[in-house]
């Protein structure tokens, strides 16, 4: 008999995933990358408010964004926190939008949804209610929607191969 797949919340927050964000290029509608600009890209300490650069490898578009951060909190199509461009890794389901900033963020969501045994952060943890997993919508956490959410994750994952 196989043991149930277990997921332990590693207490990642949204801020752990905004260093590299995949967005839709405003010029060619391909995959563009939002990355730290200048010396921050060379290995300096990561800062949420450092300048960011938009780079599209398909059409060559580059743009600079001044420091600043606006995390997506709404409903509908999600946007990146620096340029306000639509995220590449997102898909609409009948319950709402499933989105991720980058493949690592999507992988964390996939691990959580696949697991039949889900362990939360300890009750006395400082960031218990602020983790990415704790802040997921209820419809994503619901076991009855597991198959639909995993299909959406697969659609999103397939968009990276194109």
C-alpha atoms as a PDB file:
ATOM      1  CA  UNK A   1       0.000   0.000   0.000  1.00  0.00           C
ATOM      2  CA  UNK A   2       1.323   3.437  -0.905  1.00  0.00           C
ATOM      3  CA  UNK A   3       1.618   6.034   1.798  1.00  0.00           C
ATOM      4  CA  UNK A   4      -0.258   9.295   1.190  1.00  0.00           C
ATOM      5  CA  UNK A   5       1.645  12.080  -0.486  1.00  0.00           C
ATOM      6  CA  UNK A   6       2.540  14.618   2.190  1.00  0.00           C
ATOM      7  CA  UNK A   7       2.952  18.374   1.855  1.00  0.00           C
ATOM      8  CA  UNK A   8       4.499  20.491   4.586  1.00  0.00           C
ATOM      9  CA  UNK A   9       4.085  24.238   4.282  1.00  0.00           C
ATOM     10  CA  UNK A  10       7.614  25.662   4.016  1.00  0.00           C
ATOM     11  CA  UNK A  11       6.201  29.110   4.889  1.00  0.00           C
ATOM     12  CA  UNK A  12       7.004  30.768   1.572  1.00  0.00           C
ATOM     13  CA  UNK A  13       5.390  34.156   1.023  1.00  0.00           C
ATOM     14  CA  UNK A  14       4.588  35.920  -2.276  1.00  0.00           C
ATOM     15  CA  UNK A  15       7.730  37.951  -1.788  1.00  0.00           C
ATOM     16  CA  UNK A  16       9.832  34.801  -2.176  1.00  0.00           C
ATOM     17  CA  UNK A  17       8.693  34.490  -5.805  1.00  0.00           C
ATOM     18  CA  UNK A  18       8.853  38.047  -7.205  1.00  0.00           C
ATOM     19  CA  UNK A  19      12.598  38.072  -7.972  1.00  0.00           C
ATOM     20  CA  UNK A  20      11.854  36.595 -11.415  1.00  0.00           C
ATOM     21  CA  UNK A  21       8.370  36.958 -12.928  1.00  0.00           C
ATOM     22  CA  UNK A  22       7.117  35.693 -16.289  1.00  0.00           C
ATOM     23  CA  UNK A  23       4.742  38.088 -18.085  1.00  0.00           C
ATOM     24  CA  UNK A  24       3.125  38.540 -21.504  1.00  0.00           C
ATOM     25  CA  UNK A  25       5.223  40.843 -23.679  1.00  0.00           C
ATOM     26  CA  UNK A  26       3.283  44.009 -24.573  1.00  0.00           C
ATOM     27  CA  UNK A  27       4.896  44.079 -28.035  1.00  0.00           C
ATOM     28  CA  UNK A  28       4.815  40.478 -29.340  1.00  0.00           C
ATOM     29  CA  UNK A  29       2.612  38.675 -26.744  1.00  0.00           C
ATOM     30  CA  UNK A  30       5.391  36.154 -26.099  1.00  0.00           C
ATOM     31  CA  UNK A  31       7.017  35.252 -22.793  1.00  0.00           C
ATOM     32  CA  UNK A  32       8.905  38.158 -21.233  1.00  0.00           C
ATOM     33  CA  UNK A  33      10.945  38.135 -18.033  1.00  0.00           C
ATOM     34  CA  UNK A  34      10.864  40.711 -15.248  1.00  0.00           C
ATOM     35  CA  UNK A  35      14.242  40.527 -13.532  1.00  0.00           C
ATOM     36  CA  UNK A  36      16.358  42.706 -11.241  1.00  0.00           C
ATOM     37  CA  UNK A  37      18.174  45.420 -13.192  1.00  0.00           C
ATOM     38  CA  UNK A  38      21.810  46.464 -13.030  1.00  0.00           C
ATOM     39  CA  UNK A  39      23.887  45.564 -10.011  1.00  0.00           C
ATOM     40  CA  UNK A  40      21.020  43.674  -8.360  1.00  0.00           C
ATOM     41  CA  UNK A  41      21.199  41.155 -11.215  1.00  0.00           C
ATOM     42  CA  UNK A  42      24.934  40.690 -10.596  1.00  0.00           C
ATOM     43  CA  UNK A  43      24.371  38.973  -7.268  1.00  0.00           C
ATOM     44  CA  UNK A  44      23.818  41.720  -4.725  1.00  0.00           C
ATOM     45  CA  UNK A  45      21.327  41.117  -1.952  1.00  0.00           C
ATOM     46  CA  UNK A  46      17.764  40.802  -3.259  1.00  0.00           C
ATOM     47  CA  UNK A  47      15.545  43.810  -2.677  1.00  0.00           C
ATOM     48  CA  UNK A  48      11.836  43.944  -3.390  1.00  0.00           C
ATOM     49  CA  UNK A  49      12.078  47.618  -4.272  1.00  0.00           C
ATOM     50  CA  UNK A  50      15.143  47.526  -6.532  1.00  0.00           C
ATOM     51  CA  UNK A  51      14.795  48.564 -10.165  1.00  0.00           C
ATOM     52  CA  UNK A  52      13.456  45.904 -12.500  1.00  0.00           C
ATOM     53  CA  UNK A  53      14.002  45.248 -16.171  1.00  0.00           C
ATOM     54  CA  UNK A  54      11.488  43.750 -18.596  1.00  0.00           C
ATOM     55  CA  UNK A  55      13.243  41.588 -21.187  1.00  0.00           C
ATOM     56  CA  UNK A  56      11.590  39.755 -24.082  1.00  0.00           C
ATOM     57  CA  UNK A  57      13.923  37.330 -25.803  1.00  0.00           C
ATOM     58  CA  UNK A  58      11.532  36.867 -28.740  1.00  0.00           C
ATOM     59  CA  UNK A  59      11.275  40.476 -29.963  1.00  0.00           C
ATOM     60  CA  UNK A  60      14.108  42.133 -28.037  1.00  0.00           C
ATOM     61  CA  UNK A  61      11.925  44.544 -26.065  1.00  0.00           C
ATOM     62  CA  UNK A  62      13.514  45.915 -22.897  1.00  0.00           C
ATOM     63  CA  UNK A  63      12.106  48.383 -20.393  1.00  0.00           C
ATOM     64  CA  UNK A  64      13.159  49.715 -17.018  1.00  0.00           C
ATOM     65  CA  UNK A  65      10.862  50.118 -14.041  1.00  0.00           C
ATOM     66  CA  UNK A  66      11.715  52.268 -11.074  1.00  0.00           C
ATOM     67  CA  UNK A  67      11.594  50.634  -7.672  1.00  0.00           C
ATOM     68  CA  UNK A  68       8.115  50.003  -6.424  1.00  0.00           C
ATOM     69  CA  UNK A  69       5.858  47.079  -5.824  1.00  0.00           C
ATOM     70  CA  UNK A  70       2.101  46.547  -6.183  1.00  0.00           C
ATOM     71  CA  UNK A  71       1.105  42.969  -5.433  1.00  0.00           C
ATOM     72  CA  UNK A  72      -1.978  41.660  -7.207  1.00  0.00           C
ATOM     73  CA  UNK A  73      -4.931  41.417  -4.829  1.00  0.00           C
ATOM     74  CA  UNK A  74      -7.910  41.450  -7.142  1.00  0.00           C
ATOM     75  CA  UNK A  75      -9.941  39.006  -9.116  1.00  0.00           C
ATOM     76  CA  UNK A  76      -9.658  38.328 -12.801  1.00  0.00           C
ATOM     77  CA  UNK A  77      -6.486  38.217 -14.824  1.00  0.00           C
ATOM     78  CA  UNK A  78      -3.418  38.659 -12.589  1.00  0.00           C
ATOM     79  CA  UNK A  79      -0.683  41.216 -13.298  1.00  0.00           C
ATOM     80  CA  UNK A  80       2.951  41.450 -12.294  1.00  0.00           C
ATOM     81  CA  UNK A  81       3.903  43.696  -9.345  1.00  0.00           C
ATOM     82  CA  UNK A  82       6.380  45.933 -11.210  1.00  0.00           C
ATOM     83  CA  UNK A  83       5.033  46.718 -14.706  1.00  0.00           C
ATOM     84  CA  UNK A  84       1.365  45.802 -14.321  1.00  0.00           C
ATOM     85  CA  UNK A  85       1.560  43.392 -17.287  1.00  0.00           C
ATOM     86  CA  UNK A  86      -0.516  40.186 -17.407  1.00  0.00           C
ATOM     87  CA  UNK A  87       1.250  37.156 -15.950  1.00  0.00           C
ATOM     88  CA  UNK A  88       2.207  34.405 -18.380  1.00  0.00           C
ATOM     89  CA  UNK A  89       1.485  31.601 -15.926  1.00  0.00           C
ATOM     90  CA  UNK A  90      -2.265  31.849 -15.454  1.00  0.00           C
ATOM     91  CA  UNK A  91      -5.405  30.046 -16.484  1.00  0.00           C
ATOM     92  CA  UNK A  92      -9.089  30.603 -15.902  1.00  0.00           C
ATOM     93  CA  UNK A  93     -11.231  27.858 -14.365  1.00  0.00           C
ATOM     94  CA  UNK A  94     -14.931  27.830 -13.593  1.00  0.00           C
ATOM     95  CA  UNK A  95     -14.108  28.835 -10.004  1.00  0.00           C
ATOM     96  CA  UNK A  96     -11.668  31.648 -10.764  1.00  0.00           C
ATOM     97  CA  UNK A  97      -8.152  32.366 -11.983  1.00  0.00           C
ATOM     98  CA  UNK A  98      -5.156  30.221 -11.068  1.00  0.00           C
ATOM     99  CA  UNK A  99      -1.883  32.083 -11.449  1.00  0.00           C
ATOM    100  CA  UNK A 100       1.796  31.947 -10.490  1.00  0.00           C
ATOM    101  CA  UNK A 101       4.701  34.372 -10.778  1.00  0.00           C
ATOM    102  CA  UNK A 102       7.231  31.806 -12.020  1.00  0.00           C
ATOM    103  CA  UNK A 103       7.700  28.024 -12.457  1.00  0.00           C
ATOM    104  CA  UNK A 104       8.861  27.616  -8.841  1.00  0.00           C
ATOM    105  CA  UNK A 105       5.668  29.261  -7.566  1.00  0.00           C
ATOM    106  CA  UNK A 106       3.599  27.027  -9.863  1.00  0.00           C
ATOM    107  CA  UNK A 107       5.503  23.960  -8.641  1.00  0.00           C
ATOM    108  CA  UNK A 108       4.691  24.815  -5.026  1.00  0.00           C
ATOM    109  CA  UNK A 109       0.989  25.116  -5.862  1.00  0.00           C
ATOM    110  CA  UNK A 110       1.118  21.795  -7.745  1.00  0.00           C
ATOM    111  CA  UNK A 111       2.784  20.023  -4.788  1.00  0.00           C
ATOM    112  CA  UNK A 112       0.145  21.352  -2.420  1.00  0.00           C
ATOM    113  CA  UNK A 113      -2.826  20.423  -4.609  1.00  0.00           C
ATOM    114  CA  UNK A 114      -1.498  16.917  -5.381  1.00  0.00           C
ATOM    115  CA  UNK A 115      -0.911  16.051  -1.742  1.00  0.00           C
ATOM    116  CA  UNK A 116      -3.584  14.096   0.060  1.00  0.00           C
ATOM    117  CA  UNK A 117      -1.994  14.925   3.426  1.00  0.00           C
ATOM    118  CA  UNK A 118      -1.429  18.676   3.891  1.00  0.00           C
ATOM    119  CA  UNK A 119       0.355  20.009   6.954  1.00  0.00           C
ATOM    120  CA  UNK A 120       0.109  23.691   7.800  1.00  0.00           C
ATOM    121  CA  UNK A 121       2.743  25.787   9.496  1.00  0.00           C
ATOM    122  CA  UNK A 122       2.674  25.395  13.293  1.00  0.00           C
ATOM    123  CA  UNK A 123       0.025  27.470  15.054  1.00  0.00           C
ATOM    124  CA  UNK A 124       2.661  29.636  16.741  1.00  0.00           C
ATOM    125  CA  UNK A 125       4.592  30.410  13.549  1.00  0.00           C
ATOM    126  CA  UNK A 126       4.964  34.133  12.871  1.00  0.00           C
ATOM    127  CA  UNK A 127       3.972  33.930   9.206  1.00  0.00           C
ATOM    128  CA  UNK A 128       1.300  31.222   9.450  1.00  0.00           C
ATOM    129  CA  UNK A 129      -1.482  33.264   7.866  1.00  0.00           C
ATOM    130  CA  UNK A 130       0.746  35.038   5.362  1.00  0.00           C
ATOM    131  CA  UNK A 131       2.186  32.026   3.516  1.00  0.00           C
ATOM    132  CA  UNK A 132       1.400  31.477  -0.151  1.00  0.00           C
ATOM    133  CA  UNK A 133      -0.434  28.272   0.730  1.00  0.00           C
ATOM    134  CA  UNK A 134      -2.493  29.828   3.525  1.00  0.00           C
ATOM    135  CA  UNK A 135      -3.545  32.676   1.214  1.00  0.00           C
ATOM    136  CA  UNK A 136      -4.729  30.446  -1.635  1.00  0.00           C
ATOM    137  CA  UNK A 137      -8.443  30.727  -2.417  1.00  0.00           C
ATOM    138  CA  UNK A 138     -10.638  28.113  -0.760  1.00  0.00           C
ATOM    139  CA  UNK A 139     -11.622  26.573  -4.110  1.00  0.00           C
ATOM    140  CA  UNK A 140      -7.956  25.699  -4.801  1.00  0.00           C
ATOM    141  CA  UNK A 141      -7.569  24.117  -1.357  1.00  0.00           C
ATOM    142  CA  UNK A 142     -10.720  22.040  -1.660  1.00  0.00           C
ATOM    143  CA  UNK A 143     -10.083  18.341  -2.337  1.00  0.00           C
ATOM    144  CA  UNK A 144     -13.192  18.118  -4.524  1.00  0.00           C
ATOM    145  CA  UNK A 145     -11.579  20.551  -7.008  1.00  0.00           C
ATOM    146  CA  UNK A 146      -8.197  18.772  -7.038  1.00  0.00           C
ATOM    147  CA  UNK A 147      -8.563  17.294 -10.544  1.00  0.00           C
ATOM    148  CA  UNK A 148      -9.738  20.573 -12.066  1.00  0.00           C
ATOM    149  CA  UNK A 149      -6.944  22.577 -10.430  1.00  0.00           C
ATOM    150  CA  UNK A 150      -4.330  20.044 -11.554  1.00  0.00           C
ATOM    151  CA  UNK A 151      -5.666  20.281 -15.132  1.00  0.00           C
ATOM    152  CA  UNK A 152      -5.276  24.056 -14.937  1.00  0.00           C
ATOM    153  CA  UNK A 153      -1.714  23.640 -13.643  1.00  0.00           C
ATOM    154  CA  UNK A 154      -0.987  21.312 -16.579  1.00  0.00           C
ATOM    155  CA  UNK A 155      -2.363  23.887 -19.053  1.00  0.00           C
ATOM    156  CA  UNK A 156      -0.178  26.559 -17.506  1.00  0.00           C
ATOM    157  CA  UNK A 157       2.858  24.267 -17.557  1.00  0.00           C
ATOM    158  CA  UNK A 158       2.217  23.435 -21.229  1.00  0.00           C
ATOM    159  CA  UNK A 159       2.278  27.156 -22.100  1.00  0.00           C
ATOM    160  CA  UNK A 160       5.955  27.211 -21.106  1.00  0.00           C
ATOM    161  CA  UNK A 161       6.828  24.625 -23.744  1.00  0.00           C
ATOM    162  CA  UNK A 162       5.364  26.693 -26.590  1.00  0.00           C
END
